Amino acid sequence: MKQPQRRKKKIREHIQGTGKGVDFCDECPFLDFDNGVPFCSANDVNLNTDNNGFVPVPDWCGNKKNEQK
């Protein structure tokens, strides 16, 4: 009997941005919440909120808006 083919697991690569990104992570499609804590699903990192309840984009994020462009 023919055996089923194994499929390669897709490896999530680092996401590069264009510099025309977002001001807050609240606009990002990769933002998830884990027990009420903001969580970046692309990089597996917990995020913090500011005083207004928004999640600022970290410097290391490829989706951060560049001020120069």
N, C-alpha and C. Protein backbone atom coordinates (compact mmCIF):
# COMPACT_ATOMS: atom_id res chain seq x y z
N MET A 1 0.83 -1.17 0.00
CA MET A 1 0.00 0.00 0.00
C MET A 1 0.89 1.24 0.00
N LYS A 2 0.50 2.21 -0.78
CA LYS A 2 1.28 3.45 -0.91
C LYS A 2 1.19 4.27 0.37
N GLN A 3 2.35 4.74 0.83
CA GLN A 3 2.40 5.54 2.04
C GLN A 3 2.10 7.01 1.73
N PRO A 4 1.47 7.71 2.66
CA PRO A 4 1.20 9.14 2.42
C PRO A 4 2.50 9.93 2.41
N GLN A 5 2.54 10.97 1.59
CA GLN A 5 3.75 11.79 1.49
C GLN A 5 3.84 12.72 2.69
N ARG A 6 5.05 12.91 3.15
CA ARG A 6 5.27 13.85 4.24
C ARG A 6 5.45 15.24 3.66
N ARG A 7 4.86 16.20 4.31
CA ARG A 7 4.98 17.59 3.85
C ARG A 7 6.00 18.30 4.71
N LYS A 8 6.76 19.17 4.07
CA LYS A 8 7.74 19.95 4.80
C LYS A 8 7.03 20.98 5.66
N LYS A 9 7.55 21.18 6.86
CA LYS A 9 7.00 22.19 7.74
C LYS A 9 7.47 23.55 7.25
N LYS A 10 6.54 24.48 7.12
CA LYS A 10 6.89 25.82 6.67
C LYS A 10 7.56 26.56 7.81
N ILE A 11 8.74 27.09 7.54
CA ILE A 11 9.48 27.84 8.54
C ILE A 11 9.11 29.31 8.40
N ARG A 12 8.73 29.92 9.53
CA ARG A 12 8.36 31.32 9.52
C ARG A 12 9.64 32.15 9.49
N GLU A 13 9.81 32.92 8.45
CA GLU A 13 11.00 33.74 8.30
C GLU A 13 10.79 35.10 8.91
N HIS A 14 11.88 35.82 9.13
CA HIS A 14 11.79 37.16 9.69
C HIS A 14 11.09 38.07 8.69
N ILE A 15 10.17 38.86 9.18
CA ILE A 15 9.36 39.72 8.33
C ILE A 15 10.04 41.07 8.20
N GLN A 16 10.28 41.49 6.98
CA GLN A 16 10.92 42.78 6.73
C GLN A 16 9.86 43.81 6.33
N GLY A 17 10.01 45.00 6.84
CA GLY A 17 9.06 46.06 6.53
C GLY A 17 9.58 47.00 5.46
N THR A 18 8.72 47.90 5.01
CA THR A 18 9.08 48.87 3.98
C THR A 18 9.37 50.24 4.56
N GLY A 19 9.11 50.46 5.85
CA GLY A 19 9.28 51.76 6.45
C GLY A 19 8.03 52.60 6.39
N LYS A 20 6.99 52.11 5.72
CA LYS A 20 5.71 52.81 5.65
C LYS A 20 4.73 52.18 6.62
N GLY A 21 5.24 51.61 7.69
CA GLY A 21 4.49 50.78 8.62
C GLY A 21 3.41 51.49 9.41
N VAL A 22 3.24 51.05 10.64
CA VAL A 22 2.14 51.51 11.48
C VAL A 22 2.69 52.33 12.65
N ASP A 23 1.82 53.16 13.22
CA ASP A 23 2.20 53.96 14.38
C ASP A 23 2.11 53.16 15.67
N PHE A 24 1.10 52.30 15.76
CA PHE A 24 0.89 51.47 16.95
C PHE A 24 0.67 50.03 16.52
N CYS A 25 1.03 49.09 17.38
CA CYS A 25 0.83 47.67 17.09
C CYS A 25 -0.65 47.29 17.03
N ASP A 26 -1.52 48.17 17.51
CA ASP A 26 -2.96 47.90 17.45
C ASP A 26 -3.44 47.79 16.01
N GLU A 27 -2.71 48.38 15.07
CA GLU A 27 -3.06 48.34 13.65
C GLU A 27 -2.42 47.15 12.94
N CYS A 28 -1.55 46.43 13.62
CA CYS A 28 -0.76 45.35 13.02
C CYS A 28 -1.56 44.04 12.98
N PRO A 29 -1.47 43.29 11.90
CA PRO A 29 -2.19 42.01 11.83
C PRO A 29 -1.55 40.92 12.67
N PHE A 30 -0.32 41.11 13.16
CA PHE A 30 0.38 40.10 13.94
C PHE A 30 0.14 40.25 15.44
N LEU A 31 -0.67 41.21 15.86
CA LEU A 31 -0.94 41.41 17.28
C LEU A 31 -1.97 40.41 17.76
N ASP A 32 -1.62 39.68 18.81
CA ASP A 32 -2.52 38.74 19.47
C ASP A 32 -2.54 39.09 20.95
N PHE A 33 -3.48 38.50 21.66
CA PHE A 33 -3.55 38.69 23.11
C PHE A 33 -3.48 37.34 23.78
N ASP A 34 -2.57 37.20 24.75
CA ASP A 34 -2.41 35.97 25.50
C ASP A 34 -2.75 36.28 26.96
N ASN A 35 -3.93 35.88 27.39
CA ASN A 35 -4.44 36.17 28.74
C ASN A 35 -4.49 37.67 29.00
N GLY A 36 -4.87 38.46 28.01
CA GLY A 36 -5.00 39.90 28.16
C GLY A 36 -3.71 40.67 27.95
N VAL A 37 -2.61 39.98 27.71
CA VAL A 37 -1.31 40.63 27.48
C VAL A 37 -1.06 40.70 25.98
N PRO A 38 -0.72 41.88 25.42
CA PRO A 38 -0.43 41.96 23.98
C PRO A 38 0.78 41.10 23.63
N PHE A 39 0.69 40.41 22.50
CA PHE A 39 1.68 39.41 22.11
C PHE A 39 1.91 39.52 20.61
N CYS A 40 3.18 39.65 20.20
CA CYS A 40 3.53 39.68 18.77
C CYS A 40 3.65 38.24 18.28
N SER A 41 2.74 37.80 17.44
CA SER A 41 2.75 36.41 16.99
C SER A 41 3.84 36.14 15.96
N ALA A 42 4.35 37.17 15.30
CA ALA A 42 5.41 36.96 14.31
C ALA A 42 6.75 36.72 14.97
N ASN A 43 7.00 37.34 16.13
CA ASN A 43 8.30 37.23 16.78
C ASN A 43 8.24 36.55 18.14
N ASP A 44 7.08 36.10 18.58
CA ASP A 44 6.90 35.43 19.87
C ASP A 44 7.43 36.27 21.04
N VAL A 45 6.99 37.54 21.11
CA VAL A 45 7.45 38.46 22.15
C VAL A 45 6.22 39.10 22.80
N ASN A 46 6.25 39.20 24.14
CA ASN A 46 5.22 39.94 24.85
C ASN A 46 5.49 41.42 24.71
N LEU A 47 4.43 42.22 24.54
CA LEU A 47 4.56 43.66 24.35
C LEU A 47 3.92 44.39 25.53
N ASN A 48 4.26 45.66 25.68
CA ASN A 48 3.72 46.49 26.75
C ASN A 48 2.80 47.56 26.17
N THR A 49 1.86 48.02 26.98
CA THR A 49 0.98 49.10 26.55
C THR A 49 1.47 50.41 27.17
N ASP A 50 1.12 51.54 26.53
CA ASP A 50 1.47 52.84 27.10
C ASP A 50 0.34 53.32 27.99
N ASN A 51 0.41 54.54 28.46
CA ASN A 51 -0.58 55.08 29.39
C ASN A 51 -1.96 55.23 28.78
N ASN A 52 -2.04 55.36 27.46
CA ASN A 52 -3.33 55.53 26.78
C ASN A 52 -3.97 54.21 26.39
N GLY A 53 -3.32 53.08 26.65
CA GLY A 53 -3.87 51.77 26.31
C GLY A 53 -3.46 51.28 24.94
N PHE A 54 -2.61 52.03 24.23
CA PHE A 54 -2.12 51.60 22.93
C PHE A 54 -0.82 50.82 23.10
N VAL A 55 -0.49 50.00 22.10
CA VAL A 55 0.75 49.23 22.12
C VAL A 55 1.72 49.90 21.15
N PRO A 56 2.77 50.58 21.65
CA PRO A 56 3.72 51.22 20.73
C PRO A 56 4.56 50.18 20.00
N VAL A 57 4.95 50.51 18.78
CA VAL A 57 5.75 49.59 17.96
C VAL A 57 7.19 49.61 18.47
N PRO A 58 7.77 48.44 18.80
CA PRO A 58 9.16 48.41 19.27
C PRO A 58 10.14 48.76 18.15
N ASP A 59 11.35 49.19 18.54
CA ASP A 59 12.37 49.59 17.56
C ASP A 59 12.81 48.44 16.67
N TRP A 60 12.79 47.21 17.18
CA TRP A 60 13.29 46.07 16.41
C TRP A 60 12.28 45.58 15.37
N CYS A 61 11.06 46.07 15.42
CA CYS A 61 10.00 45.58 14.53
C CYS A 61 10.20 46.09 13.11
N GLY A 62 10.01 45.22 12.15
CA GLY A 62 10.12 45.59 10.74
C GLY A 62 8.90 46.34 10.24
N ASN A 63 7.86 46.40 11.04
CA ASN A 63 6.62 47.07 10.66
C ASN A 63 6.56 48.49 11.23
N LYS A 64 7.65 48.96 11.85
CA LYS A 64 7.68 50.30 12.46
C LYS A 64 7.78 51.36 11.37
N LYS A 65 7.03 52.44 11.55
CA LYS A 65 7.03 53.53 10.58
C LYS A 65 8.32 54.31 10.70
N ASN A 66 8.95 54.57 9.56
CA ASN A 66 10.16 55.38 9.52
C ASN A 66 9.77 56.84 9.43
N GLU A 67 10.39 57.68 10.23
CA GLU A 67 10.09 59.12 10.20
C GLU A 67 10.70 59.78 8.96
N GLN A 68 11.78 59.21 8.40
CA GLN A 68 12.48 59.83 7.29
C GLN A 68 11.78 59.61 5.96
N LYS A 69 10.98 58.58 5.83
CA LYS A 69 10.36 58.27 4.52
C LYS A 69 9.03 58.93 4.38
